[in-house]
Each structure stands twice: as C-alpha cells, then as structure tokens.
C-alpha cells in the first residue's frame, strides 16, 4: 500500500475525532453568578474550553435581560431555568436546550411572614420575587425539587457550529470531572469568580447537584418532558405566555450521547 495514503488516512482519522474541529470557534455565553452555573466558569479558567478547541467568553447578564442579549446577538448561548426557555421561545427568542446543568436541593425556597402557616395559605396573597423579605422559610426545593437549570444556544449557532456545540457539551462534563478529581482546586476557581473562598463556595454547592452525562440522558428521556408540559400549561394559564411554543423543538439531545 502507498505509504502516503496510509499517512493521509491516519491524519483524517485523527481529525475526525479531534476537538480541533471546533477550530477556535468564538462563542459568548450569558450567565449570572449562580453556583449551579459555576462549572461553565471553571471550564474557562481551567483551560478546558481551549483544550477542546473553543474561544469562550463568559458574560454576566441579569436574568431579566439575558434573552435580549441573545436576541441582539451579543451572546449565542446561555444558562437558565428549564421553564424560562419556554417563555423565551413563546416570545420570539428562538433557543434550544443542549444539556442539563444542575438541580436545586434546598438552594431555593419561599420565605413568608409568620402569619402564613402553610404553603396552601399563600393562595390569594401578594407575592414578591427577587426582593428581600422577613419571616420563616415555608418550603424549599427539598420539598419541591422543581428548580432545574439547563444550557442552550440559538438554533442558528447550533446549525452552523455543530463541532463547537459538541465541544461545549464535552467541556461542561469535563469540568464536572475536574470537580470530582480535584475538588479543592475547582472550588477555589469557582469561588473566586463570585468573590468567595473555596470553602464558602463549597458550602453553597451543598444545596445543589450538578448533572453529569448519565444524569442528562435520564433527565431528557423522562422528567424533562413531563415538567415541560406542566410548566407550559401553567405559564399559559397565568398569562406569562400567550401561546405554547413547539415543545419538541426546545431541546437537542444529540450532543449528550
């Protein structure tokens, strides 16, 4: 056999599986300083994105305006709660979820005044969101594990940069692996991003669970579909959205396989 052909074939095989296929693709990601999103920062600061052929910039954008940054093209990808993608798509901001990041286990809750004895007694009351309050904690995500975050990008970015999307997904799982193998270093890096020590960050991380590849596969074949439908129906009922978008187009699971 011609030696030149053997070499060419070997190079082709390497390129077929190499992260370099991402070719240094630039991508901007919108997040907030939430503990659950921290592995995205870890992937950047630990050089994981670069190793996987990506040039990623992380932008801290408030939840209330993150969809505007996507619509304007300022960022191509973002992290947010599962039901938020329904709202964004219902309001014309096309986005597709790629992988689940975390589940809250006590990190979120409802605080009420002492005159409210149980969660059913909140009915008919005025509720404040994203504002300080006083009183007891009536329920957390230990009681109602319904706060889940996912990562996604615009359909256009996904279609034009499949190798980069695969590298983004791999980078997240690589970051979780680093947390397992060198937790102290990982916590220090993630804590520094939100002005915490590694120990302080670790204390906040106790109240959530990051979701690895195996957990992702289970989530999107089961719990996701049920939650999505119930959330969409509720959002429509309370008037947050005027119509339910095509729920089948809100996720692309090819990259977690």
Protein backbone atom coordinates (compact mmCIF):
# COMPACT_ATOMS: atom_id res chain seq x y z
CA UNK A 1 0.00 0.00 0.00
CA UNK A 2 1.18 3.52 -0.77
CA UNK A 3 2.78 4.98 2.43
CA UNK A 4 1.44 8.43 1.58
CA UNK A 5 -2.10 7.07 1.57
CA UNK A 6 -1.54 5.39 4.94
CA UNK A 7 -0.35 8.68 6.46
CA UNK A 8 -3.20 10.63 4.89
CA UNK A 9 -5.70 8.11 6.20
CA UNK A 10 -4.26 8.33 9.71
CA UNK A 11 -4.44 12.13 9.68
CA UNK A 12 -8.05 12.01 8.52
CA UNK A 13 -8.94 9.61 11.33
CA UNK A 14 -7.34 11.86 13.94
CA UNK A 15 -9.10 14.95 12.63
CA UNK A 16 -12.42 13.12 12.68
CA UNK A 17 -12.33 12.79 16.46
CA UNK A 18 -10.18 15.77 17.39
CA UNK A 19 -11.63 18.71 19.36
CA UNK A 20 -9.66 20.89 16.95
CA UNK A 21 -12.67 20.54 14.66
CA UNK A 22 -14.11 23.39 16.72
CA UNK A 23 -11.24 25.42 15.20
CA UNK A 24 -11.15 28.03 17.91
CA UNK A 25 -14.82 28.92 17.42
CA UNK A 26 -15.73 32.08 19.30
CA UNK A 27 -18.84 31.85 21.45
CA UNK A 28 -20.25 34.21 24.08
CA UNK A 29 -22.23 32.71 26.95
CA UNK A 30 -24.65 34.65 29.16
CA UNK A 31 -24.94 33.61 32.80
CA UNK A 32 -25.36 35.01 36.30
CA UNK A 33 -23.23 34.36 39.36
CA UNK A 34 -25.28 31.33 40.44
CA UNK A 35 -23.45 28.39 41.98
CA UNK A 36 -25.06 25.97 39.55
CA UNK A 37 -23.58 27.82 36.57
CA UNK A 38 -20.06 27.87 38.03
CA UNK A 39 -18.74 24.84 36.08
CA UNK A 40 -19.05 26.99 32.95
CA UNK A 41 -16.61 29.43 34.53
CA UNK A 42 -14.40 26.58 35.70
CA UNK A 43 -14.20 25.27 32.14
CA UNK A 44 -12.84 28.63 31.02
CA UNK A 45 -10.45 29.34 33.88
CA UNK A 46 -9.04 25.81 33.91
CA UNK A 47 -8.38 25.89 30.16
CA UNK A 48 -10.93 23.20 29.33
CA UNK A 49 -12.64 25.19 26.57
CA UNK A 50 -9.30 25.99 24.96
CA UNK A 51 -8.25 22.34 25.15
CA UNK A 52 -11.46 21.43 23.34
CA UNK A 53 -10.86 23.98 20.60
CA UNK A 54 -13.13 26.80 21.78
CA UNK A 55 -12.69 30.52 22.41
CA UNK A 56 -15.39 31.17 25.03
CA UNK A 57 -16.24 34.47 26.69
CA UNK A 58 -18.46 34.44 29.78
CA UNK A 59 -20.75 37.43 30.23
CA UNK A 60 -22.61 38.12 33.46
CA UNK A 61 -26.07 39.23 32.39
CA UNK A 62 -29.12 39.60 34.68
CA UNK A 63 -31.82 37.01 34.12
CA UNK A 64 -34.34 39.69 33.19
CA UNK A 65 -32.31 40.81 30.17
CA UNK A 66 -30.48 37.62 29.18
CA UNK A 67 -32.95 36.89 26.40
CA UNK A 68 -32.38 40.38 24.99
CA UNK A 69 -28.66 39.67 24.77
CA UNK A 70 -29.45 36.51 22.82
CA UNK A 71 -31.89 38.28 20.52
CA UNK A 72 -29.35 41.02 19.79
CA UNK A 73 -26.59 38.53 19.05
CA UNK A 74 -24.45 39.75 21.94
CA UNK A 75 -24.37 36.15 23.19
CA UNK A 76 -25.08 32.95 21.32
CA UNK A 77 -25.66 30.69 24.32
CA UNK A 78 -26.94 30.98 27.87
CA UNK A 79 -27.81 29.14 31.06
CA UNK A 80 -31.20 29.49 32.75
CA UNK A 81 -34.06 27.53 34.29
CA UNK A 82 -35.94 24.96 32.23
CA UNK A 83 -39.25 26.85 32.12
CA UNK A 84 -37.54 30.07 31.02
CA UNK A 85 -36.75 28.56 27.62
CA UNK A 86 -40.50 28.13 27.12
CA UNK A 87 -41.06 31.83 27.82
CA UNK A 88 -38.21 32.94 25.58
CA UNK A 89 -39.40 30.84 22.63
CA UNK A 90 -43.03 31.86 23.15
CA UNK A 91 -41.91 35.47 22.87
CA UNK A 92 -39.90 35.04 19.69
CA UNK A 93 -36.41 34.41 21.06
CA UNK A 94 -35.52 31.10 19.41
CA UNK A 95 -33.31 28.98 21.65
CA UNK A 96 -32.63 25.28 22.10
CA UNK A 97 -31.51 23.48 25.24
CA UNK A 98 -28.47 21.22 24.93
CA UNK A 99 -27.75 19.79 28.37
CA UNK A 100 -28.93 19.96 31.96
CA UNK A 101 -26.57 21.70 34.37
CA UNK A 102 -27.95 21.37 37.87
CA UNK A 103 -30.86 20.66 40.17
CA UNK A 104 -31.51 22.69 43.29
CA UNK A 105 -31.65 20.70 46.53
CA UNK A 106 -32.56 23.32 49.09
CA UNK A 107 -30.81 26.25 47.41
CA UNK A 108 -34.13 27.91 46.56
CA UNK A 109 -37.14 28.46 48.76
CA UNK A 110 -40.12 30.57 49.69
CA UNK A 111 -39.94 32.89 52.69
CA UNK A 112 -43.18 34.08 54.28
CA UNK A 113 -44.35 36.07 57.26
CA UNK A 114 -45.06 34.14 60.44
CA UNK A 115 -48.80 34.60 59.91
CA UNK A 116 -48.72 32.14 56.97
CA UNK A 117 -48.90 28.62 58.47
CA UNK A 118 -48.55 26.51 55.30
CA UNK A 119 -47.88 26.83 51.59
CA UNK A 120 -51.57 26.42 50.72
CA UNK A 121 -52.26 29.60 52.68
CA UNK A 122 -50.17 31.61 50.17
CA UNK A 123 -53.12 31.41 47.77
CA UNK A 124 -54.66 34.83 47.25
CA UNK A 125 -51.69 36.65 48.79
CA UNK A 126 -49.37 39.13 47.06
CA UNK A 127 -46.01 37.53 46.33
CA UNK A 128 -42.71 39.36 45.75
CA UNK A 129 -39.98 37.95 43.52
CA UNK A 130 -36.27 38.81 43.68
CA UNK A 131 -36.80 41.05 46.69
CA UNK A 132 -35.70 40.83 50.34
CA UNK A 133 -38.27 39.71 52.88
CA UNK A 134 -38.74 38.59 56.52
CA UNK A 135 -40.29 35.64 58.03
CA UNK A 136 -39.89 31.83 58.09
CA UNK A 137 -38.94 29.52 55.21
CA UNK A 138 -42.13 27.71 54.31
CA UNK A 139 -40.80 25.49 51.52
CA UNK A 140 -37.56 24.80 49.66
CA UNK A 141 -36.51 22.71 46.71
CA UNK A 142 -36.02 19.83 49.11
CA UNK A 143 -39.81 19.80 49.40
CA UNK A 144 -40.50 20.74 45.77
CA UNK A 145 -37.48 19.82 43.58
CA UNK A 146 -38.64 21.93 40.63
CA UNK A 147 -35.76 24.36 40.05
CA UNK A 148 -33.52 22.98 37.32
CA UNK A 149 -31.06 24.75 35.06
CA UNK A 150 -30.07 23.93 31.51
CA UNK A 151 -27.66 25.29 28.91
CA UNK A 152 -28.69 26.18 25.38
CA UNK A 153 -27.86 28.17 22.26
CA UNK A 154 -29.68 29.68 19.32
CA UNK A 155 -30.74 27.20 16.61
CA UNK A 156 -28.65 29.20 14.13
CA UNK A 157 -25.48 28.81 16.17
CA UNK A 158 -26.12 25.10 16.64
CA UNK A 159 -26.76 24.50 12.95
CA UNK A 160 -23.64 26.40 11.87
CA UNK A 161 -21.29 25.15 14.60
CA UNK A 162 -22.10 21.55 15.47
CA UNK A 163 -18.47 20.69 16.29
CA UNK A 164 -18.32 23.67 18.65
CA UNK A 165 -21.60 22.68 20.31
CA UNK A 166 -20.25 19.19 20.85
CA UNK A 167 -17.11 20.73 22.36
CA UNK A 168 -19.19 22.98 24.64
CA UNK A 169 -21.12 19.99 25.95
CA UNK A 170 -17.94 17.98 26.44
CA UNK A 171 -16.33 20.91 28.24
CA UNK A 172 -19.15 21.03 30.78
CA UNK A 173 -18.82 17.34 31.55
CA UNK A 174 -15.02 17.72 31.69
CA UNK A 175 -15.48 20.49 34.26
CA UNK A 176 -17.63 18.19 36.40
CA UNK A 177 -14.90 15.57 36.19
CA UNK A 178 -12.35 18.12 37.41
CA UNK A 179 -14.61 18.86 40.39
CA UNK A 180 -14.55 15.15 41.22
CA UNK A 181 -10.81 14.69 40.81
CA UNK A 182 -9.59 17.97 42.34
CA UNK A 183 -12.47 19.47 44.29
CA UNK A 184 -10.33 21.89 46.28
CA UNK A 185 -8.80 23.49 43.20
CA UNK A 186 -12.15 23.57 41.40
CA UNK A 187 -13.94 25.18 44.34
CA UNK A 188 -11.22 27.82 44.66
CA UNK A 189 -11.54 28.73 40.97
CA UNK A 190 -15.33 28.84 41.02
CA UNK A 191 -15.43 30.66 44.35
CA UNK A 192 -13.04 33.37 43.15
CA UNK A 193 -15.46 34.24 40.36
CA UNK A 194 -18.11 35.23 42.92
CA UNK A 195 -15.67 36.62 45.50
CA UNK A 196 -15.83 33.59 47.78
CA UNK A 197 -13.21 31.31 49.24
CA UNK A 198 -13.18 27.72 48.12
CA UNK A 199 -14.69 26.73 51.45
CA UNK A 200 -17.51 29.27 51.15
CA UNK A 201 -18.27 28.10 47.64
CA UNK A 202 -18.33 24.50 48.81
CA UNK A 203 -20.91 25.36 51.45
CA UNK A 204 -23.24 26.81 48.81
CA UNK A 205 -22.62 23.87 46.48
CA UNK A 206 -24.05 21.50 49.11
CA UNK A 207 -27.53 22.67 48.16
CA UNK A 208 -27.47 21.59 44.52
CA UNK A 209 -26.45 18.67 42.34
CA UNK A 210 -24.58 19.13 39.08
CA UNK A 211 -25.81 16.73 36.42
CA UNK A 212 -23.32 14.54 34.57
CA UNK A 213 -23.74 12.82 31.23
CA UNK A 214 -25.60 9.82 32.64
CA UNK A 215 -27.97 12.05 34.60
CA UNK A 216 -28.60 14.10 31.48
CA UNK A 217 -29.64 11.08 29.47
CA UNK A 218 -32.11 10.05 32.14
CA UNK A 219 -33.49 13.56 32.57
CA UNK A 220 -34.26 14.24 28.92
CA UNK A 221 -35.91 10.86 28.33
CA UNK A 222 -38.22 11.16 31.32
CA UNK A 223 -38.61 14.01 33.79
CA UNK A 224 -37.97 16.76 31.24
CA UNK A 225 -40.98 16.01 29.07
CA UNK A 226 -43.42 15.88 31.99
CA UNK A 227 -42.05 19.03 33.59
CA UNK A 228 -42.03 20.92 30.28
CA UNK A 229 -45.68 20.20 29.58
CA UNK A 230 -46.85 21.08 33.09
CA UNK A 231 -44.77 24.26 33.12
CA UNK A 232 -46.05 25.34 29.71
CA UNK A 233 -49.68 24.80 30.73
CA UNK A 234 -49.17 26.79 33.93
CA UNK A 235 -47.38 29.66 32.15
CA UNK A 236 -50.26 29.87 29.69
CA UNK A 237 -52.88 29.74 32.44
CA UNK A 238 -51.35 32.58 34.44
CA UNK A 239 -50.76 34.71 31.36
CA UNK A 240 -46.97 34.72 31.23
CA UNK A 241 -47.17 33.42 27.65
CA UNK A 242 -49.96 33.83 25.12
CA UNK A 243 -49.34 30.57 23.32
CA UNK A 244 -47.31 27.43 23.95
CA UNK A 245 -44.34 27.05 21.57
CA UNK A 246 -43.49 23.74 19.92
CA UNK A 247 -42.09 21.92 22.96
CA UNK A 248 -40.48 19.32 20.73
CA UNK A 249 -38.09 21.93 19.39
CA UNK A 250 -36.88 23.19 22.75
CA UNK A 251 -34.13 20.60 23.19
CA UNK A 252 -31.48 18.89 21.07
CA UNK A 253 -30.04 15.87 22.87
CA UNK A 254 -27.64 14.74 20.13
CA UNK A 255 -24.62 16.19 21.90
CA UNK A 256 -25.01 14.40 25.24
CA UNK A 257 -24.98 10.93 23.69
